[in-house]
Amino acid sequence: MEASKKLVAVFLVCIVMISSSVHVSMADGESNAEKFKKAFIVAATEYTVCYNICQKVCSDAGFGYTHCEMKCDEDCTAKLLKEKLQNMKN
């Protein structure tokens, strides 16, 4: 009987220690979801600015909407990916 009480006490202490370490590690910084959301907002803003400028230049040049949409989508995606890769290298 005495051994089972000690076993339960050790088990409860382990649960408390694990839960407190998880709580402290999660409180240390922002969650991955928050980091992803911030990175997505930055990337979406950069893409939108690039796309809008490209779309205006392309349509002013006399090309159709579909041509400009495909061209600008490819160009801006490639440009932003290249910039991100260059930043990762440095």
PDB file of N, CA and C in Angstrom:
ATOM      1  N   MET A   1       0.823  -1.198   0.000  1.00  0.00           N
ATOM      2  CA  MET A   1       0.000   0.000   0.000  1.00  0.00           C
ATOM      3  C   MET A   1       0.866   1.262   0.000  1.00  0.00           C
ATOM      4  N   GLU A   2       1.919   1.205   0.799  1.00  0.00           N
ATOM      5  CA  GLU A   2       2.821   2.341   0.911  1.00  0.00           C
ATOM      6  C   GLU A   2       3.542   2.589  -0.414  1.00  0.00           C
ATOM      7  N   ALA A   3       3.902   1.544  -1.141  1.00  0.00           N
ATOM      8  CA  ALA A   3       4.607   1.670  -2.410  1.00  0.00           C
ATOM      9  C   ALA A   3       3.697   2.302  -3.464  1.00  0.00           C
ATOM     10  N   SER A   4       2.430   1.946  -3.437  1.00  0.00           N
ATOM     11  CA  SER A   4       1.504   2.509  -4.422  1.00  0.00           C
ATOM     12  C   SER A   4       1.289   3.998  -4.174  1.00  0.00           C
ATOM     13  N   LYS A   5       1.274   4.426  -2.921  1.00  0.00           N
ATOM     14  CA  LYS A   5       1.139   5.849  -2.604  1.00  0.00           C
ATOM     15  C   LYS A   5       2.359   6.621  -3.102  1.00  0.00           C
ATOM     16  N   LYS A   6       3.542   6.044  -2.921  1.00  0.00           N
ATOM     17  CA  LYS A   6       4.758   6.693  -3.396  1.00  0.00           C
ATOM     18  C   LYS A   6       4.765   6.767  -4.927  1.00  0.00           C
ATOM     19  N   LEU A   7       4.292   5.707  -5.578  1.00  0.00           N
ATOM     20  CA  LEU A   7       4.241   5.679  -7.033  1.00  0.00           C
ATOM     21  C   LEU A   7       3.295   6.758  -7.557  1.00  0.00           C
ATOM     22  N   VAL A   8       2.148   6.904  -6.933  1.00  0.00           N
ATOM     23  CA  VAL A   8       1.188   7.936  -7.338  1.00  0.00           C
ATOM     24  C   VAL A   8       1.770   9.323  -7.092  1.00  0.00           C
ATOM     25  N   ALA A   9       2.458   9.516  -5.987  1.00  0.00           N
ATOM     26  CA  ALA A   9       3.058  10.809  -5.678  1.00  0.00           C
ATOM     27  C   ALA A   9       4.141  11.158  -6.709  1.00  0.00           C
ATOM     28  N   VAL A  10       4.967  10.193  -7.084  1.00  0.00           N
ATOM     29  CA  VAL A  10       6.005  10.435  -8.087  1.00  0.00           C
ATOM     30  C   VAL A  10       5.367  10.751  -9.430  1.00  0.00           C
ATOM     31  N   PHE A  11       4.309  10.011  -9.773  1.00  0.00           N
ATOM     32  CA  PHE A  11       3.595  10.257 -11.025  1.00  0.00           C
ATOM     33  C   PHE A  11       3.023  11.678 -11.062  1.00  0.00           C
ATOM     34  N   LEU A  12       2.409  12.129  -9.986  1.00  0.00           N
ATOM     35  CA  LEU A  12       1.840  13.475  -9.927  1.00  0.00           C
ATOM     36  C   LEU A  12       2.930  14.542 -10.017  1.00  0.00           C
ATOM     37  N   VAL A  13       4.054  14.312  -9.383  1.00  0.00           N
ATOM     38  CA  VAL A  13       5.161  15.264  -9.454  1.00  0.00           C
ATOM     39  C   VAL A  13       5.668  15.346 -10.896  1.00  0.00           C
ATOM     40  N   CYS A  14       5.780  14.197 -11.559  1.00  0.00           N
ATOM     41  CA  CYS A  14       6.223  14.191 -12.962  1.00  0.00           C
ATOM     42  C   CYS A  14       5.245  14.962 -13.847  1.00  0.00           C
ATOM     43  N   ILE A  15       3.955  14.776 -13.641  1.00  0.00           N
ATOM     44  CA  ILE A  15       2.941  15.489 -14.435  1.00  0.00           C
ATOM     45  C   ILE A  15       3.071  16.996 -14.227  1.00  0.00           C
ATOM     46  N   VAL A  16       3.242  17.421 -12.997  1.00  0.00           N
ATOM     47  CA  VAL A  16       3.368  18.847 -12.695  1.00  0.00           C
ATOM     48  C   VAL A  16       4.636  19.413 -13.336  1.00  0.00           C
ATOM     49  N   MET A  17       5.740  18.688 -13.257  1.00  0.00           N
ATOM     50  CA  MET A  17       6.995  19.162 -13.843  1.00  0.00           C
ATOM     51  C   MET A  17       6.885  19.281 -15.363  1.00  0.00           C
ATOM     52  N   ILE A  18       6.296  18.295 -16.006  1.00  0.00           N
ATOM     53  CA  ILE A  18       6.157  18.324 -17.464  1.00  0.00           C
ATOM     54  C   ILE A  18       5.240  19.457 -17.895  1.00  0.00           C
ATOM     55  N   SER A  19       4.114  19.595 -17.208  1.00  0.00           N
ATOM     56  CA  SER A  19       3.173  20.660 -17.601  1.00  0.00           C
ATOM     57  C   SER A  19       3.771  22.043 -17.377  1.00  0.00           C
ATOM     58  N   SER A  20       4.548  22.223 -16.333  1.00  0.00           N
ATOM     59  CA  SER A  20       5.153  23.540 -16.101  1.00  0.00           C
ATOM     60  C   SER A  20       6.238  23.827 -17.137  1.00  0.00           C
ATOM     61  N   SER A  21       6.988  22.822 -17.557  1.00  0.00           N
ATOM     62  CA  SER A  21       8.026  23.069 -18.565  1.00  0.00           C
ATOM     63  C   SER A  21       7.402  23.373 -19.917  1.00  0.00           C
ATOM     64  N   VAL A  22       6.296  22.724 -20.259  1.00  0.00           N
ATOM     65  CA  VAL A  22       5.606  23.022 -21.507  1.00  0.00           C
ATOM     66  C   VAL A  22       5.037  24.440 -21.453  1.00  0.00           C
ATOM     67  N   HIS A  23       4.465  24.799 -20.345  1.00  0.00           N
ATOM     68  CA  HIS A  23       3.888  26.137 -20.199  1.00  0.00           C
ATOM     69  C   HIS A  23       4.962  27.211 -20.325  1.00  0.00           C
ATOM     70  N   VAL A  24       6.118  26.993 -19.713  1.00  0.00           N
ATOM     71  CA  VAL A  24       7.209  27.971 -19.773  1.00  0.00           C
ATOM     72  C   VAL A  24       7.754  28.061 -21.192  1.00  0.00           C
ATOM     73  N   SER A  25       7.901  26.941 -21.881  1.00  0.00           N
ATOM     74  CA  SER A  25       8.448  26.981 -23.236  1.00  0.00           C
ATOM     75  C   SER A  25       7.486  27.665 -24.199  1.00  0.00           C
ATOM     76  N   MET A  26       6.188  27.509 -23.994  1.00  0.00           N
ATOM     77  CA  MET A  26       5.219  28.175 -24.866  1.00  0.00           C
ATOM     78  C   MET A  26       5.136  29.666 -24.557  1.00  0.00           C
ATOM     79  N   ALA A  27       5.426  30.054 -23.330  1.00  0.00           N
ATOM     80  CA  ALA A  27       5.374  31.459 -22.950  1.00  0.00           C
ATOM     81  C   ALA A  27       6.627  32.205 -23.390  1.00  0.00           C
ATOM     82  N   ASP A  28       7.641  31.466 -23.774  1.00  0.00           N
ATOM     83  CA  ASP A  28       8.921  32.058 -24.129  1.00  0.00           C
ATOM     84  C   ASP A  28       8.825  32.974 -25.342  1.00  0.00           C
ATOM     85  N   GLY A  29       8.089  32.618 -26.338  1.00  0.00           N
ATOM     86  CA  GLY A  29       8.010  33.428 -27.548  1.00  0.00           C
ATOM     87  C   GLY A  29       6.647  33.284 -28.202  1.00  0.00           C
ATOM     88  N   GLU A  30       6.512  33.897 -29.375  1.00  0.00           N
ATOM     89  CA  GLU A  30       5.248  33.818 -30.066  1.00  0.00           C
ATOM     90  C   GLU A  30       5.103  32.450 -30.734  1.00  0.00           C
ATOM     91  N   SER A  31       3.887  32.044 -30.954  1.00  0.00           N
ATOM     92  CA  SER A  31       3.643  30.724 -31.514  1.00  0.00           C
ATOM     93  C   SER A  31       3.974  30.701 -33.005  1.00  0.00           C
ATOM     94  N   ASN A  32       4.076  29.506 -33.538  1.00  0.00           N
ATOM     95  CA  ASN A  32       4.372  29.357 -34.955  1.00  0.00           C
ATOM     96  C   ASN A  32       3.258  29.931 -35.814  1.00  0.00           C
ATOM     97  N   ALA A  33       2.020  29.822 -35.350  1.00  0.00           N
ATOM     98  CA  ALA A  33       0.894  30.372 -36.110  1.00  0.00           C
ATOM     99  C   ALA A  33       1.010  31.891 -36.226  1.00  0.00           C
ATOM    100  N   GLU A  34       1.425  32.540 -35.156  1.00  0.00           N
ATOM    101  CA  GLU A  34       1.593  33.997 -35.196  1.00  0.00           C
ATOM    102  C   GLU A  34       2.751  34.388 -36.108  1.00  0.00           C
ATOM    103  N   LYS A  35       3.843  33.631 -36.065  1.00  0.00           N
ATOM    104  CA  LYS A  35       4.982  33.909 -36.939  1.00  0.00           C
ATOM    105  C   LYS A  35       4.589  33.725 -38.396  1.00  0.00           C
ATOM    106  N   PHE A  36       3.842  32.659 -38.682  1.00  0.00           N
ATOM    107  CA  PHE A  36       3.402  32.401 -40.045  1.00  0.00           C
ATOM    108  C   PHE A  36       2.475  33.503 -40.530  1.00  0.00           C
ATOM    109  N   LYS A  37       1.570  33.941 -39.670  1.00  0.00           N
ATOM    110  CA  LYS A  37       0.628  34.988 -40.059  1.00  0.00           C
ATOM    111  C   LYS A  37       1.363  36.283 -40.404  1.00  0.00           C
ATOM    112  N   LYS A  38       2.343  36.655 -39.591  1.00  0.00           N
ATOM    113  CA  LYS A  38       3.119  37.874 -39.864  1.00  0.00           C
ATOM    114  C   LYS A  38       3.903  37.752 -41.170  1.00  0.00           C
ATOM    115  N   ALA A  39       4.531  36.595 -41.380  1.00  0.00           N
ATOM    116  CA  ALA A  39       5.304  36.382 -42.612  1.00  0.00           C
ATOM    117  C   ALA A  39       4.391  36.389 -43.831  1.00  0.00           C
ATOM    118  N   PHE A  40       3.199  35.814 -43.691  1.00  0.00           N
ATOM    119  CA  PHE A  40       2.248  35.793 -44.805  1.00  0.00           C
ATOM    120  C   PHE A  40       1.783  37.198 -45.154  1.00  0.00           C
ATOM    121  N   ILE A  41       1.505  38.008 -44.154  1.00  0.00           N
ATOM    122  CA  ILE A  41       1.048  39.378 -44.402  1.00  0.00           C
ATOM    123  C   ILE A  41       2.132  40.168 -45.135  1.00  0.00           C
ATOM    124  N   VAL A  42       3.379  40.016 -44.719  1.00  0.00           N
ATOM    125  CA  VAL A  42       4.486  40.720 -45.382  1.00  0.00           C
ATOM    126  C   VAL A  42       4.615  40.259 -46.831  1.00  0.00           C
ATOM    127  N   ALA A  43       4.596  38.943 -47.049  1.00  0.00           N
ATOM    128  CA  ALA A  43       4.740  38.406 -48.404  1.00  0.00           C
ATOM    129  C   ALA A  43       3.570  38.819 -49.288  1.00  0.00           C
ATOM    130  N   ALA A  44       2.361  38.777 -48.738  1.00  0.00           N
ATOM    131  CA  ALA A  44       1.185  39.152 -49.522  1.00  0.00           C
ATOM    132  C   ALA A  44       1.213  40.627 -49.891  1.00  0.00           C
ATOM    133  N   THR A  45       1.683  41.461 -48.993  1.00  0.00           N
ATOM    134  CA  THR A  45       1.778  42.895 -49.270  1.00  0.00           C
ATOM    135  C   THR A  45       2.803  43.165 -50.369  1.00  0.00           C
ATOM    136  N   GLU A  46       3.970  42.529 -50.269  1.00  0.00           N
ATOM    137  CA  GLU A  46       5.007  42.706 -51.291  1.00  0.00           C
ATOM    138  C   GLU A  46       4.512  42.224 -52.653  1.00  0.00           C
ATOM    139  N   TYR A  47       3.827  41.083 -52.673  1.00  0.00           N
ATOM    140  CA  TYR A  47       3.321  40.527 -53.933  1.00  0.00           C
ATOM    141  C   TYR A  47       2.264  41.453 -54.536  1.00  0.00           C
ATOM    142  N   THR A  48       1.371  41.967 -53.712  1.00  0.00           N
ATOM    143  CA  THR A  48       0.299  42.836 -54.197  1.00  0.00           C
ATOM    144  C   THR A  48       0.861  44.106 -54.820  1.00  0.00           C
ATOM    145  N   VAL A  49       1.852  44.708 -54.172  1.00  0.00           N
ATOM    146  CA  VAL A  49       2.467  45.922 -54.710  1.00  0.00           C
ATOM    147  C   VAL A  49       3.119  45.623 -56.057  1.00  0.00           C
ATOM    148  N   CYS A  50       3.894  44.555 -56.116  1.00  0.00           N
ATOM    149  CA  CYS A  50       4.561  44.170 -57.364  1.00  0.00           C
ATOM    150  C   CYS A  50       3.534  43.889 -58.455  1.00  0.00           C
ATOM    151  N   TYR A  51       2.499  43.131 -58.125  1.00  0.00           N
ATOM    152  CA  TYR A  51       1.491  42.746 -59.103  1.00  0.00           C
ATOM    153  C   TYR A  51       0.739  43.961 -59.647  1.00  0.00           C
ATOM    154  N   ASN A  52       0.350  44.872 -58.770  1.00  0.00           N
ATOM    155  CA  ASN A  52      -0.398  46.053 -59.211  1.00  0.00           C
ATOM    156  C   ASN A  52       0.427  46.934 -60.151  1.00  0.00           C
ATOM    157  N   ILE A  53       1.700  47.127 -59.830  1.00  0.00           N
ATOM    158  CA  ILE A  53       2.577  47.929 -60.696  1.00  0.00           C
ATOM    159  C   ILE A  53       2.735  47.236 -62.054  1.00  0.00           C
ATOM    160  N   CYS A  54       3.006  45.950 -62.031  1.00  0.00           N
ATOM    161  CA  CYS A  54       3.195  45.193 -63.269  1.00  0.00           C
ATOM    162  C   CYS A  54       1.919  45.194 -64.113  1.00  0.00           C
ATOM    163  N   GLN A  55       0.790  45.016 -63.476  1.00  0.00           N
ATOM    164  CA  GLN A  55      -0.503  44.990 -64.188  1.00  0.00           C
ATOM    165  C   GLN A  55      -0.746  46.327 -64.886  1.00  0.00           C
ATOM    166  N   LYS A  56      -0.454  47.429 -64.217  1.00  0.00           N
ATOM    167  CA  LYS A  56      -0.670  48.741 -64.812  1.00  0.00           C
ATOM    168  C   LYS A  56       0.257  48.953 -66.010  1.00  0.00           C
ATOM    169  N   VAL A  57       1.543  48.618 -65.838  1.00  0.00           N
ATOM    170  CA  VAL A  57       2.510  48.782 -66.926  1.00  0.00           C
ATOM    171  C   VAL A  57       2.110  47.913 -68.120  1.00  0.00           C
ATOM    172  N   CYS A  58       1.709  46.697 -67.856  1.00  0.00           N
ATOM    173  CA  CYS A  58       1.350  45.763 -68.922  1.00  0.00           C
ATOM    174  C   CYS A  58       0.091  46.217 -69.661  1.00  0.00           C
ATOM    175  N   SER A  59      -0.928  46.629 -68.927  1.00  0.00           N
ATOM    176  CA  SER A  59      -2.169  47.066 -69.586  1.00  0.00           C
ATOM    177  C   SER A  59      -1.963  48.385 -70.334  1.00  0.00           C
ATOM    178  N   ASP A  60      -1.084  49.247 -69.809  1.00  0.00           N
ATOM    179  CA  ASP A  60      -0.762  50.488 -70.520  1.00  0.00           C
ATOM    180  C   ASP A  60      -0.018  50.202 -71.825  1.00  0.00           C
ATOM    181  N   ALA A  61       0.675  49.062 -71.877  1.00  0.00           N
ATOM    182  CA  ALA A  61       1.402  48.673 -73.083  1.00  0.00           C
ATOM    183  C   ALA A  61       0.458  48.093 -74.142  1.00  0.00           C
ATOM    184  N   GLY A  62      -0.814  47.897 -73.780  1.00  0.00           N
ATOM    185  CA  GLY A  62      -1.805  47.444 -74.742  1.00  0.00           C
ATOM    186  C   GLY A  62      -2.098  45.957 -74.738  1.00  0.00           C
ATOM    187  N   PHE A  63      -1.579  45.233 -73.770  1.00  0.00           N
ATOM    188  CA  PHE A  63      -1.852  43.802 -73.701  1.00  0.00           C
ATOM    189  C   PHE A  63      -3.181  43.552 -72.997  1.00  0.00           C
ATOM    190  N   GLY A  64      -3.768  42.382 -73.222  1.00  0.00           N
ATOM    191  CA  GLY A  64      -5.047  42.032 -72.618  1.00  0.00           C
ATOM    192  C   GLY A  64      -4.909  41.639 -71.155  1.00  0.00           C
ATOM    193  N   TYR A  65      -6.050  41.561 -70.488  1.00  0.00           N
ATOM    194  CA  TYR A  65      -6.069  41.281 -69.048  1.00  0.00           C
ATOM    195  C   TYR A  65      -5.475  39.908 -68.741  1.00  0.00           C
ATOM    196  N   THR A  66      -5.865  38.886 -69.500  1.00  0.00           N
ATOM    197  CA  THR A  66      -5.390  37.534 -69.221  1.00  0.00           C
ATOM    198  C   THR A  66      -3.882  37.425 -69.408  1.00  0.00           C
ATOM    199  N   HIS A  67      -3.373  38.009 -70.484  1.00  0.00           N
ATOM    200  CA  HIS A  67      -1.927  38.004 -70.730  1.00  0.00           C
ATOM    201  C   HIS A  67      -1.198  38.685 -69.576  1.00  0.00           C
ATOM    202  N   CYS A  68      -1.684  39.849 -69.186  1.00  0.00           N
ATOM    203  CA  CYS A  68      -1.031  40.610 -68.108  1.00  0.00           C
ATOM    204  C   CYS A  68      -1.119  39.871 -66.772  1.00  0.00           C
ATOM    205  N   GLU A  69      -2.257  39.251 -66.524  1.00  0.00           N
ATOM    206  CA  GLU A  69      -2.420  38.529 -65.266  1.00  0.00           C
ATOM    207  C   GLU A  69      -1.413  37.389 -65.159  1.00  0.00           C
ATOM    208  N   MET A  70      -1.293  36.607 -66.219  1.00  0.00           N
ATOM    209  CA  MET A  70      -0.354  35.479 -66.201  1.00  0.00           C
ATOM    210  C   MET A  70       1.095  35.964 -66.131  1.00  0.00           C
ATOM    211  N   LYS A  71       1.421  36.979 -66.919  1.00  0.00           N
ATOM    212  CA  LYS A  71       2.782  37.506 -66.946  1.00  0.00           C
ATOM    213  C   LYS A  71       3.168  38.076 -65.585  1.00  0.00           C
ATOM    214  N   CYS A  72       2.306  38.896 -65.027  1.00  0.00           N
ATOM    215  CA  CYS A  72       2.623  39.547 -63.756  1.00  0.00           C
ATOM    216  C   CYS A  72       2.679  38.545 -62.604  1.00  0.00           C
ATOM    217  N   ASP A  73       1.814  37.549 -62.640  1.00  0.00           N
ATOM    218  CA  ASP A  73       1.837  36.529 -61.597  1.00  0.00           C
ATOM    219  C   ASP A  73       3.170  35.787 -61.614  1.00  0.00           C
ATOM    220  N   GLU A  74       3.598  35.369 -62.799  1.00  0.00           N
ATOM    221  CA  GLU A  74       4.868  34.659 -62.918  1.00  0.00           C
ATOM    222  C   GLU A  74       6.049  35.566 -62.553  1.00  0.00           C
ATOM    223  N   ASP A  75       6.042  36.783 -63.070  1.00  0.00           N
ATOM    224  CA  ASP A  75       7.161  37.696 -62.827  1.00  0.00           C
ATOM    225  C   ASP A  75       7.300  38.047 -61.343  1.00  0.00           C
ATOM    226  N   CYS A  76       6.194  38.391 -60.707  1.00  0.00           N
ATOM    227  CA  CYS A  76       6.257  38.803 -59.298  1.00  0.00           C
ATOM    228  C   CYS A  76       6.598  37.630 -58.382  1.00  0.00           C
ATOM    229  N   THR A  77       6.056  36.458 -58.674  1.00  0.00           N
ATOM    230  CA  THR A  77       6.386  35.289 -57.867  1.00  0.00           C
ATOM    231  C   THR A  77       7.870  34.982 -57.980  1.00  0.00           C
ATOM    232  N   ALA A  78       8.392  34.982 -59.200  1.00  0.00           N
ATOM    233  CA  ALA A  78       9.817  34.707 -59.400  1.00  0.00           C
ATOM    234  C   ALA A  78      10.687  35.762 -58.718  1.00  0.00           C
ATOM    235  N   LYS A  79      10.296  37.013 -58.842  1.00  0.00           N
ATOM    236  CA  LYS A  79      11.080  38.108 -58.247  1.00  0.00           C
ATOM    237  C   LYS A  79      11.121  37.981 -56.721  1.00  0.00           C
ATOM    238  N   LEU A  80       9.971  37.731 -56.105  1.00  0.00           N
ATOM    239  CA  LEU A  80       9.926  37.648 -54.651  1.00  0.00           C
ATOM    240  C   LEU A  80      10.651  36.405 -54.137  1.00  0.00           C
ATOM    241  N   LEU A  81      10.513  35.286 -54.842  1.00  0.00           N
ATOM    242  CA  LEU A  81      11.241  34.085 -54.424  1.00  0.00           C
ATOM    243  C   LEU A  81      12.744  34.285 -54.543  1.00  0.00           C
ATOM    244  N   LYS A  82      13.179  34.939 -55.609  1.00  0.00           N
ATOM    245  CA  LYS A  82      14.602  35.206 -55.782  1.00  0.00           C
ATOM    246  C   LYS A  82      15.121  36.088 -54.645  1.00  0.00           C
ATOM    247  N   GLU A  83      14.358  37.120 -54.287  1.00  0.00           N
ATOM    248  CA  GLU A  83      14.773  38.002 -53.194  1.00  0.00           C
ATOM    249  C   GLU A  83      14.857  37.234 -51.874  1.00  0.00           C
ATOM    250  N   LYS A  84      13.871  36.377 -51.609  1.00  0.00           N
ATOM    251  CA  LYS A  84      13.869  35.609 -50.355  1.00  0.00           C
ATOM    252  C   LYS A  84      15.063  34.656 -50.306  1.00  0.00           C
ATOM    253  N   LEU A  85      15.358  34.011 -51.441  1.00  0.00           N
ATOM    254  CA  LEU A  85      16.503  33.107 -51.471  1.00  0.00           C
ATOM    255  C   LEU A  85      17.816  33.858 -51.292  1.00  0.00           C
ATOM    256  N   GLN A  86      17.942  35.033 -51.890  1.00  0.00           N
ATOM    257  CA  GLN A  86      19.149  35.842 -51.705  1.00  0.00           C
ATOM    258  C   GLN A  86      19.305  36.252 -50.241  1.00  0.00           C
ATOM    259  N   ASN A  87      18.192  36.603 -49.599  1.00  0.00           N
ATOM    260  CA  ASN A  87      18.257  36.976 -48.172  1.00  0.00           C
ATOM    261  C   ASN A  87      18.645  35.788 -47.299  1.00  0.00           C
ATOM    262  N   MET A  88      18.204  34.592 -47.690  1.00  0.00           N
ATOM    263  CA  MET A  88      18.553  33.406 -46.907  1.00  0.00           C
ATOM    264  C   MET A  88      20.029  33.054 -47.055  1.00  0.00           C
ATOM    265  N   LYS A  89      20.590  33.321 -48.251  1.00  0.00           N
ATOM    266  CA  LYS A  89      22.010  33.038 -48.476  1.00  0.00           C
ATOM    267  C   LYS A  89      22.899  33.964 -47.654  1.00  0.00           C
ATOM    268  N   ASN A  90      22.478  35.220 -47.509  1.00  0.00           N
ATOM    269  CA  ASN A  90      23.304  36.216 -46.814  1.00  0.00           C
ATOM    270  C   ASN A  90      23.137  36.149 -45.360  1.00  0.00           C
TER     271      ASN A  90
END
